[in-house]
PDB file of N, CA and C in Angstrom:
ATOM      1  N   MET A   1      62.587 -32.407   0.549  1.00  0.00           N
ATOM      2  CA  MET A   1      62.838 -30.893   0.934  1.00  0.00           C
ATOM      3  C   MET A   1      61.504 -30.490   1.326  1.00  0.00           C
ATOM      4  N   THR A   2      61.404 -30.072   2.404  1.00  0.00           N
ATOM      5  CA  THR A   2      60.197 -29.385   3.052  1.00  0.00           C
ATOM      6  C   THR A   2      60.256 -27.854   2.825  1.00  0.00           C
ATOM      7  N   ARG A   3      59.429 -27.316   2.216  1.00  0.00           N
ATOM      8  CA  ARG A   3      59.422 -25.749   2.013  1.00  0.00           C
ATOM      9  C   ARG A   3      58.090 -25.293   2.501  1.00  0.00           C
ATOM     10  N   TYR A   4      58.039 -23.944   3.014  1.00  0.00           N
ATOM     11  CA  TYR A   4      56.845 -23.322   3.373  1.00  0.00           C
ATOM     12  C   TYR A   4      56.608 -22.215   2.498  1.00  0.00           C
ATOM     13  N   LEU A   5      55.315 -21.858   2.251  1.00  0.00           N
ATOM     14  CA  LEU A   5      54.929 -20.759   1.701  1.00  0.00           C
ATOM     15  C   LEU A   5      54.348 -19.843   2.742  1.00  0.00           C
ATOM     16  N   ILE A   6      54.903 -18.668   3.015  1.00  0.00           N
ATOM     17  CA  ILE A   6      54.273 -17.703   3.936  1.00  0.00           C
ATOM     18  C   ILE A   6      53.511 -16.517   3.051  1.00  0.00           C
ATOM     19  N   SER A   7      52.351 -16.206   3.276  1.00  0.00           N
ATOM     20  CA  SER A   7      51.603 -15.159   2.326  1.00  0.00           C
ATOM     21  C   SER A   7      51.360 -14.064   3.275  1.00  0.00           C
ATOM     22  N   PHE A   8      51.287 -12.899   2.567  1.00  0.00           N
ATOM     23  CA  PHE A   8      50.931 -11.832   3.305  1.00  0.00           C
ATOM     24  C   PHE A   8      49.661 -11.096   2.451  1.00  0.00           C
ATOM     25  N   ASP A   9      48.703 -10.861   3.318  1.00  0.00           N
ATOM     26  CA  ASP A   9      47.502 -10.180   2.968  1.00  0.00           C
ATOM     27  C   ASP A   9      47.925  -8.661   2.281  1.00  0.00           C
ATOM     28  N   ASP A  10      47.181  -8.309   1.273  1.00  0.00           N
ATOM     29  CA  ASP A  10      47.432  -7.096   0.484  1.00  0.00           C
ATOM     30  C   ASP A  10      47.084  -5.852   1.532  1.00  0.00           C
ATOM     31  N   GLY A  11      46.085  -5.984   2.440  1.00  0.00           N
ATOM     32  CA  GLY A  11      45.864  -5.065   3.426  1.00  0.00           C
ATOM     33  C   GLY A  11      46.931  -4.754   4.421  1.00  0.00           C
ATOM     34  N   ALA A  12      47.865  -5.785   4.682  1.00  0.00           N
ATOM     35  CA  ALA A  12      48.861  -5.765   5.721  1.00  0.00           C
ATOM     36  C   ALA A  12      49.915  -4.658   5.380  1.00  0.00           C
ATOM     37  N   MET A  13      49.915  -4.269   4.229  1.00  0.00           N
ATOM     38  CA  MET A  13      50.889  -3.282   3.817  1.00  0.00           C
ATOM     39  C   MET A  13      50.462  -1.830   3.447  1.00  0.00           C
ATOM     40  N   SER A  14      49.383  -1.555   4.264  1.00  0.00           N
ATOM     41  CA  SER A  14      48.924  -0.246   4.127  1.00  0.00           C
ATOM     42  C   SER A  14      49.537   0.537   5.233  1.00  0.00           C
ATOM     43  N   PHE A  15      50.108   1.715   4.923  1.00  0.00           N
ATOM     44  CA  PHE A  15      50.800   2.305   5.868  1.00  0.00           C
ATOM     45  C   PHE A  15      51.170   3.855   5.226  1.00  0.00           C
ATOM     46  N   PRO A  16      51.301   4.747   6.035  1.00  0.00           N
ATOM     47  CA  PRO A  16      51.496   6.270   5.577  1.00  0.00           C
ATOM     48  C   PRO A  16      52.620   6.304   4.682  1.00  0.00           C
ATOM     49  N   GLU A  17      52.697   7.073   3.496  1.00  0.00           N
ATOM     50  CA  GLU A  17      53.802   7.247   2.541  1.00  0.00           C
ATOM     51  C   GLU A  17      55.063   7.681   3.413  1.00  0.00           C
ATOM     52  N   GLU A  18      55.099   8.370   4.289  1.00  0.00           N
ATOM     53  CA  GLU A  18      56.438   8.923   5.030  1.00  0.00           C
ATOM     54  C   GLU A  18      56.925   7.626   5.691  1.00  0.00           C
ATOM     55  N   GLU A  19      56.255   6.603   5.910  1.00  0.00           N
ATOM     56  CA  GLU A  19      56.904   5.379   6.456  1.00  0.00           C
ATOM     57  C   GLU A  19      57.506   4.448   5.527  1.00  0.00           C
ATOM     58  N   LEU A  20      57.470   4.672   4.354  1.00  0.00           N
ATOM     59  CA  LEU A  20      57.899   3.823   3.349  1.00  0.00           C
ATOM     60  C   LEU A  20      59.315   3.180   3.507  1.00  0.00           C
ATOM     61  N   ALA A  21      60.088   4.237   3.668  1.00  0.00           N
ATOM     62  CA  ALA A  21      61.749   4.041   3.780  1.00  0.00           C
ATOM     63  C   ALA A  21      61.935   2.953   5.012  1.00  0.00           C
ATOM     64  N   GLU A  22      61.259   3.474   6.167  1.00  0.00           N
ATOM     65  CA  GLU A  22      61.419   2.585   7.287  1.00  0.00           C
ATOM     66  C   GLU A  22      60.908   1.137   7.069  1.00  0.00           C
ATOM     67  N   VAL A  23      59.745   1.016   6.510  1.00  0.00           N
ATOM     68  CA  VAL A  23      59.141  -0.304   6.403  1.00  0.00           C
ATOM     69  C   VAL A  23      59.948  -1.097   5.321  1.00  0.00           C
ATOM     70  N   ALA A  24      60.572  -0.434   4.341  1.00  0.00           N
ATOM     71  CA  ALA A  24      61.239  -1.250   3.225  1.00  0.00           C
ATOM     72  C   ALA A  24      62.554  -1.715   3.903  1.00  0.00           C
ATOM     73  N   GLU A  25      63.164  -0.910   4.717  1.00  0.00           N
ATOM     74  CA  GLU A  25      64.437  -1.331   5.266  1.00  0.00           C
ATOM     75  C   GLU A  25      64.155  -2.543   6.306  1.00  0.00           C
ATOM     76  N   ALA A  26      63.115  -2.438   6.928  1.00  0.00           N
ATOM     77  CA  ALA A  26      62.659  -3.597   7.911  1.00  0.00           C
ATOM     78  C   ALA A  26      62.581  -4.895   7.126  1.00  0.00           C
ATOM     79  N   SER A  27      61.779  -4.642   5.972  1.00  0.00           N
ATOM     80  CA  SER A  27      61.494  -5.924   5.228  1.00  0.00           C
ATOM     81  C   SER A  27      62.863  -6.473   4.663  1.00  0.00           C
ATOM     82  N   HIS A  28      63.739  -5.510   4.066  1.00  0.00           N
ATOM     83  CA  HIS A  28      65.028  -6.074   3.552  1.00  0.00           C
ATOM     84  C   HIS A  28      65.834  -6.608   4.477  1.00  0.00           C
ATOM     85  N   GLN A  29      65.837  -6.216   5.744  1.00  0.00           N
ATOM     86  CA  GLN A  29      66.623  -6.848   6.841  1.00  0.00           C
ATOM     87  C   GLN A  29      65.999  -8.280   7.207  1.00  0.00           C
ATOM     88  N   VAL A  30      64.854  -8.468   7.230  1.00  0.00           N
ATOM     89  CA  VAL A  30      64.303  -9.888   7.458  1.00  0.00           C
ATOM     90  C   VAL A  30      64.790 -10.638   6.342  1.00  0.00           C
ATOM     91  N   VAL A  31      64.690 -10.259   4.968  1.00  0.00           N
ATOM     92  CA  VAL A  31      65.341 -11.080   3.851  1.00  0.00           C
ATOM     93  C   VAL A  31      66.758 -11.434   3.990  1.00  0.00           C
ATOM     94  N   ARG A  32      67.413 -10.395   4.341  1.00  0.00           N
ATOM     95  CA  ARG A  32      69.047 -10.545   4.482  1.00  0.00           C
ATOM     96  C   ARG A  32      69.205 -11.568   5.643  1.00  0.00           C
ATOM     97  N   GLU A  33      68.518 -11.523   6.675  1.00  0.00           N
ATOM     98  CA  GLU A  33      68.734 -12.343   7.734  1.00  0.00           C
ATOM     99  C   GLU A  33      68.370 -13.870   7.412  1.00  0.00           C
ATOM    100  N   ALA A  34      67.350 -14.013   6.596  1.00  0.00           N
ATOM    101  CA  ALA A  34      66.855 -15.329   6.104  1.00  0.00           C
ATOM    102  C   ALA A  34      67.754 -15.828   5.145  1.00  0.00           C
ATOM    103  N   GLN A  35      68.276 -15.039   4.301  1.00  0.00           N
ATOM    104  CA  GLN A  35      69.582 -15.443   3.455  1.00  0.00           C
ATOM    105  C   GLN A  35      70.823 -15.827   4.198  1.00  0.00           C
ATOM    106  N   ASP A  36      71.207 -15.129   5.151  1.00  0.00           N
ATOM    107  CA  ASP A  36      72.283 -15.459   6.047  1.00  0.00           C
ATOM    108  C   ASP A  36      72.183 -16.654   6.723  1.00  0.00           C
ATOM    109  N   ALA A  37      70.957 -17.055   7.050  1.00  0.00           N
ATOM    110  CA  ALA A  37      70.566 -18.354   7.709  1.00  0.00           C
ATOM    111  C   ALA A  37      70.408 -19.448   6.703  1.00  0.00           C
ATOM    112  N   ALA A  38      70.561 -19.108   5.504  1.00  0.00           N
ATOM    113  CA  ALA A  38      70.290 -20.173   4.420  1.00  0.00           C
ATOM    114  C   ALA A  38      68.795 -20.759   4.329  1.00  0.00           C
ATOM    115  N   VAL A  39      67.840 -20.171   4.731  1.00  0.00           N
ATOM    116  CA  VAL A  39      66.616 -20.779   4.739  1.00  0.00           C
ATOM    117  C   VAL A  39      65.728 -20.008   3.663  1.00  0.00           C
ATOM    118  N   TRP A  40      66.179 -18.843   2.980  1.00  0.00           N
ATOM    119  CA  TRP A  40      65.514 -18.095   2.099  1.00  0.00           C
ATOM    120  C   TRP A  40      65.579 -18.738   0.754  1.00  0.00           C
ATOM    121  N   VAL A  41      64.381 -19.106   0.121  1.00  0.00           N
ATOM    122  CA  VAL A  41      64.333 -19.573  -1.072  1.00  0.00           C
ATOM    123  C   VAL A  41      63.809 -18.669  -2.142  1.00  0.00           C
ATOM    124  N   PHE A  42      62.787 -17.942  -1.958  1.00  0.00           N
ATOM    125  CA  PHE A  42      62.266 -16.838  -3.043  1.00  0.00           C
ATOM    126  C   PHE A  42      61.065 -16.190  -2.262  1.00  0.00           C
ATOM    127  N   GLY A  43      60.875 -14.843  -2.786  1.00  0.00           N
ATOM    128  CA  GLY A  43      59.765 -14.108  -2.459  1.00  0.00           C
ATOM    129  C   GLY A  43      59.463 -12.989  -3.229  1.00  0.00           C
ATOM    130  N   GLY A  44      58.468 -12.341  -2.897  1.00  0.00           N
ATOM    131  CA  GLY A  44      57.986 -11.232  -3.839  1.00  0.00           C
ATOM    132  C   GLY A  44      56.724 -10.619  -3.493  1.00  0.00           C
ATOM    133  N   GLY A  45      56.473  -9.494  -4.073  1.00  0.00           N
ATOM    134  CA  GLY A  45      55.166  -8.820  -3.886  1.00  0.00           C
ATOM    135  C   GLY A  45      54.448  -8.849  -5.094  1.00  0.00           C
ATOM    136  N   LEU A  46      53.055  -8.768  -4.883  1.00  0.00           N
ATOM    137  CA  LEU A  46      52.155  -8.757  -6.148  1.00  0.00           C
ATOM    138  C   LEU A  46      51.424  -7.418  -6.339  1.00  0.00           C
ATOM    139  N   GLU A  47      50.998  -7.116  -7.445  1.00  0.00           N
ATOM    140  CA  GLU A  47      50.333  -5.921  -7.777  1.00  0.00           C
ATOM    141  C   GLU A  47      48.870  -6.006  -6.912  1.00  0.00           C
ATOM    142  N   ARG A  48      48.651  -4.728  -6.613  1.00  0.00           N
ATOM    143  CA  ARG A  48      47.254  -4.449  -5.905  1.00  0.00           C
ATOM    144  C   ARG A  48      46.156  -4.761  -6.929  1.00  0.00           C
ATOM    145  N   GLN A  49      45.118  -5.422  -6.283  1.00  0.00           N
ATOM    146  CA  GLN A  49      43.999  -5.843  -7.060  1.00  0.00           C
ATOM    147  C   GLN A  49      43.198  -4.546  -7.415  1.00  0.00           C
ATOM    148  N   GLN A  50      43.115  -4.416  -8.704  1.00  0.00           N
ATOM    149  CA  GLN A  50      42.331  -3.277  -9.187  1.00  0.00           C
ATOM    150  C   GLN A  50      41.455  -3.662 -10.239  1.00  0.00           C
ATOM    151  N   ALA A  51      40.951  -4.845 -10.332  1.00  0.00           N
ATOM    152  CA  ALA A  51      40.119  -5.368 -11.300  1.00  0.00           C
ATOM    153  C   ALA A  51      38.681  -4.700 -11.327  1.00  0.00           C
ATOM    154  N   SER A  52      38.090  -4.659 -12.455  1.00  0.00           N
ATOM    155  CA  SER A  52      36.620  -4.120 -12.608  1.00  0.00           C
ATOM    156  C   SER A  52      36.083  -4.853 -13.677  1.00  0.00           C
ATOM    157  N   VAL A  53      34.624  -4.908 -13.604  1.00  0.00           N
ATOM    158  CA  VAL A  53      33.891  -5.597 -14.739  1.00  0.00           C
ATOM    159  C   VAL A  53      33.007  -4.511 -15.319  1.00  0.00           C
ATOM    160  N   VAL A  54      33.076  -4.679 -16.740  1.00  0.00           N
ATOM    161  CA  VAL A  54      32.216  -3.644 -17.318  1.00  0.00           C
ATOM    162  C   VAL A  54      30.992  -4.588 -18.035  1.00  0.00           C
ATOM    163  N   ALA A  55      29.861  -4.334 -17.633  1.00  0.00           N
ATOM    164  CA  ALA A  55      28.822  -4.964 -18.221  1.00  0.00           C
ATOM    165  C   ALA A  55      28.324  -4.592 -19.584  1.00  0.00           C
ATOM    166  N   THR A  56      27.533  -5.219 -20.310  1.00  0.00           N
ATOM    167  CA  THR A  56      27.162  -4.831 -21.658  1.00  0.00           C
ATOM    168  C   THR A  56      26.408  -3.561 -21.634  1.00  0.00           C
ATOM    169  N   ASP A  57      25.707  -3.147 -20.522  1.00  0.00           N
ATOM    170  CA  ASP A  57      25.112  -1.947 -20.562  1.00  0.00           C
ATOM    171  C   ASP A  57      25.851  -0.669 -20.208  1.00  0.00           C
ATOM    172  N   GLY A  58      27.193  -1.095 -20.017  1.00  0.00           N
ATOM    173  CA  GLY A  58      28.281   0.027 -19.744  1.00  0.00           C
ATOM    174  C   GLY A  58      28.554   0.237 -18.066  1.00  0.00           C
ATOM    175  N   THR A  59      27.751  -0.450 -17.459  1.00  0.00           N
ATOM    176  CA  THR A  59      27.889  -0.435 -15.952  1.00  0.00           C
ATOM    177  C   THR A  59      29.156  -0.991 -15.470  1.00  0.00           C
ATOM    178  N   VAL A  60      29.949  -0.186 -14.726  1.00  0.00           N
ATOM    179  CA  VAL A  60      31.254  -0.634 -14.125  1.00  0.00           C
ATOM    180  C   VAL A  60      31.161  -0.955 -12.698  1.00  0.00           C
ATOM    181  N   THR A  61      31.526  -2.132 -12.361  1.00  0.00           N
ATOM    182  CA  THR A  61      31.432  -2.525 -11.011  1.00  0.00           C
ATOM    183  C   THR A  61      32.800  -3.125 -10.585  1.00  0.00           C
ATOM    184  N   ASP A  62      33.168  -3.187  -9.292  1.00  0.00           N
ATOM    185  CA  ASP A  62      34.367  -3.909  -8.784  1.00  0.00           C
ATOM    186  C   ASP A  62      34.248  -5.364  -9.166  1.00  0.00           C
ATOM    187  N   GLY A  63      35.389  -5.985  -9.321  1.00  0.00           N
ATOM    188  CA  GLY A  63      35.312  -7.268  -9.639  1.00  0.00           C
ATOM    189  C   GLY A  63      36.564  -7.885  -9.912  1.00  0.00           C
ATOM    190  N   PRO A  64      36.676  -9.142 -10.414  1.00  0.00           N
ATOM    191  CA  PRO A  64      35.466  -9.887 -10.632  1.00  0.00           C
ATOM    192  C   PRO A  64      34.779 -10.431  -9.604  1.00  0.00           C
ATOM    193  N   TYR A  65      35.348 -10.354  -8.502  1.00  0.00           N
ATOM    194  CA  TYR A  65      34.553 -10.926  -7.336  1.00  0.00           C
ATOM    195  C   TYR A  65      34.525  -9.840  -6.088  1.00  0.00           C
ATOM    196  N   PRO A  66      33.543  -8.944  -6.290  1.00  0.00           N
ATOM    197  CA  PRO A  66      33.511  -7.829  -5.247  1.00  0.00           C
ATOM    198  C   PRO A  66      33.167  -8.171  -3.818  1.00  0.00           C
ATOM    199  N   GLU A  67      32.940  -9.473  -3.531  1.00  0.00           N
ATOM    200  CA  GLU A  67      32.741  -9.938  -2.117  1.00  0.00           C
ATOM    201  C   GLU A  67      34.091 -10.308  -1.527  1.00  0.00           C
ATOM    202  N   THR A  68      35.207 -10.207  -2.352  1.00  0.00           N
ATOM    203  CA  THR A  68      36.388 -10.603  -1.814  1.00  0.00           C
ATOM    204  C   THR A  68      36.878  -9.632  -0.791  1.00  0.00           C
ATOM    205  N   LYS A  69      37.417 -10.073   0.353  1.00  0.00           N
ATOM    206  CA  LYS A  69      37.877  -9.306   1.361  1.00  0.00           C
ATOM    207  C   LYS A  69      39.315  -9.234   1.703  1.00  0.00           C
ATOM    208  N   ALA A  70      39.975 -10.503   1.467  1.00  0.00           N
ATOM    209  CA  ALA A  70      41.369 -10.646   1.387  1.00  0.00           C
ATOM    210  C   ALA A  70      42.046 -10.878   0.289  1.00  0.00           C
ATOM    211  N   VAL A  71      43.050 -10.260  -0.164  1.00  0.00           N
ATOM    212  CA  VAL A  71      43.777 -10.413  -1.417  1.00  0.00           C
ATOM    213  C   VAL A  71      45.210 -10.677  -1.081  1.00  0.00           C
ATOM    214  N   LEU A  72      45.785 -11.630  -1.746  1.00  0.00           N
ATOM    215  CA  LEU A  72      47.167 -11.872  -1.512  1.00  0.00           C
ATOM    216  C   LEU A  72      48.157 -10.577  -2.081  1.00  0.00           C
ATOM    217  N   GLY A  73      48.977 -10.283  -1.115  1.00  0.00           N
ATOM    218  CA  GLY A  73      49.770  -9.246  -1.486  1.00  0.00           C
ATOM    219  C   GLY A  73      51.241  -9.470  -1.638  1.00  0.00           C
ATOM    220  N   GLY A  74      51.701 -10.465  -1.022  1.00  0.00           N
ATOM    221  CA  GLY A  74      53.199 -10.849  -1.325  1.00  0.00           C
ATOM    222  C   GLY A  74      53.216 -12.356  -0.604  1.00  0.00           C
ATOM    223  N   PHE A  75      54.488 -12.723  -0.807  1.00  0.00           N
ATOM    224  CA  PHE A  75      54.718 -14.170  -0.291  1.00  0.00           C
ATOM    225  C   PHE A  75      56.170 -14.254  -0.124  1.00  0.00           C
ATOM    226  N   SER A  76      56.536 -15.223   0.805  1.00  0.00           N
ATOM    227  CA  SER A  76      58.073 -15.712   0.822  1.00  0.00           C
ATOM    228  C   SER A  76      58.049 -17.400   0.993  1.00  0.00           C
ATOM    229  N   ILE A  77      59.102 -18.015   0.450  1.00  0.00           N
ATOM    230  CA  ILE A  77      59.200 -19.464   0.653  1.00  0.00           C
ATOM    231  C   ILE A  77      60.430 -19.545   1.302  1.00  0.00           C
ATOM    232  N   ILE A  78      60.463 -20.405   2.359  1.00  0.00           N
ATOM    233  CA  ILE A  78      61.525 -20.814   3.290  1.00  0.00           C
ATOM    234  C   ILE A  78      61.747 -22.223   3.042  1.00  0.00           C
ATOM    235  N   ASP A  79      63.026 -22.731   3.320  1.00  0.00           N
ATOM    236  CA  ASP A  79      63.398 -24.165   3.449  1.00  0.00           C
ATOM    237  C   ASP A  79      63.423 -24.616   4.751  1.00  0.00           C
ATOM    238  N   ARG A  80      62.493 -25.407   5.290  1.00  0.00           N
ATOM    239  CA  ARG A  80      62.254 -25.749   6.654  1.00  0.00           C
ATOM    240  C   ARG A  80      63.351 -26.766   6.975  1.00  0.00           C
ATOM    241  N   ARG A  81      63.871 -27.517   6.190  1.00  0.00           N
ATOM    242  CA  ARG A  81      64.932 -28.567   6.525  1.00  0.00           C
ATOM    243  C   ARG A  81      66.071 -27.851   7.085  1.00  0.00           C
ATOM    244  N   VAL A  82      66.517 -26.706   6.304  1.00  0.00           N
ATOM    245  CA  VAL A  82      67.591 -26.079   6.694  1.00  0.00           C
ATOM    246  C   VAL A  82      67.403 -25.295   8.064  1.00  0.00           C
ATOM    247  N   LEU A  83      66.266 -24.676   8.162  1.00  0.00           N
ATOM    248  CA  LEU A  83      65.786 -24.056   9.348  1.00  0.00           C
ATOM    249  C   LEU A  83      65.691 -24.939  10.487  1.00  0.00           C
ATOM    250  N   ASP A  84      65.303 -26.055  10.516  1.00  0.00           N
ATOM    251  CA  ASP A  84      65.205 -27.117  11.623  1.00  0.00           C
ATOM    252  C   ASP A  84      66.695 -27.495  12.037  1.00  0.00           C
ATOM    253  N   LEU A  85      67.566 -27.759  10.960  1.00  0.00           N
ATOM    254  CA  LEU A  85      68.952 -27.944  11.250  1.00  0.00           C
ATOM    255  C   LEU A  85      69.662 -26.875  12.130  1.00  0.00           C
ATOM    256  N   ARG A  86      69.361 -25.635  11.551  1.00  0.00           N
ATOM    257  CA  ARG A  86      70.046 -24.461  12.226  1.00  0.00           C
ATOM    258  C   ARG A  86      69.519 -24.313  13.643  1.00  0.00           C
ATOM    259  N   CYS A  87      68.278 -24.581  13.966  1.00  0.00           N
ATOM    260  CA  CYS A  87      67.501 -24.445  15.284  1.00  0.00           C
ATOM    261  C   CYS A  87      68.171 -25.394  16.237  1.00  0.00           C
ATOM    262  N   ALA A  88      68.517 -26.611  15.533  1.00  0.00           N
ATOM    263  CA  ALA A  88      69.067 -27.706  16.378  1.00  0.00           C
ATOM    264  C   ALA A  88      70.559 -27.418  16.946  1.00  0.00           C
ATOM    265  N   LEU A  89      71.137 -26.718  15.986  1.00  0.00           N
ATOM    266  CA  LEU A  89      72.588 -26.596  16.384  1.00  0.00           C
ATOM    267  C   LEU A  89      72.733 -25.301  17.201  1.00  0.00           C
ATOM    268  N   THR A  90      71.582 -24.546  17.590  1.00  0.00           N
ATOM    269  CA  THR A  90      71.945 -23.466  18.236  1.00  0.00           C
ATOM    270  C   THR A  90      71.347 -23.592  19.675  1.00  0.00           C
TER     271      THR A  90
END
């Protein structure tokens, strides 16, 4: 069984607060369509990275890896075998 992990960058979900309802509805619609097509396996969002490092001298810095630019914000897993079959039938 071939499955794919689709990951979403944490920064991809930055949008104005007033657009939250519209963005949530759009993302739920994609999940519903994937479930209806029987290709949805699992998915979810992750907490925003808010790590910090406190040195022994009390200095607080971003971390643990301040040079990190991209952070995983969410993921979806789909079943490719079912997707290939459905595409072949249409």
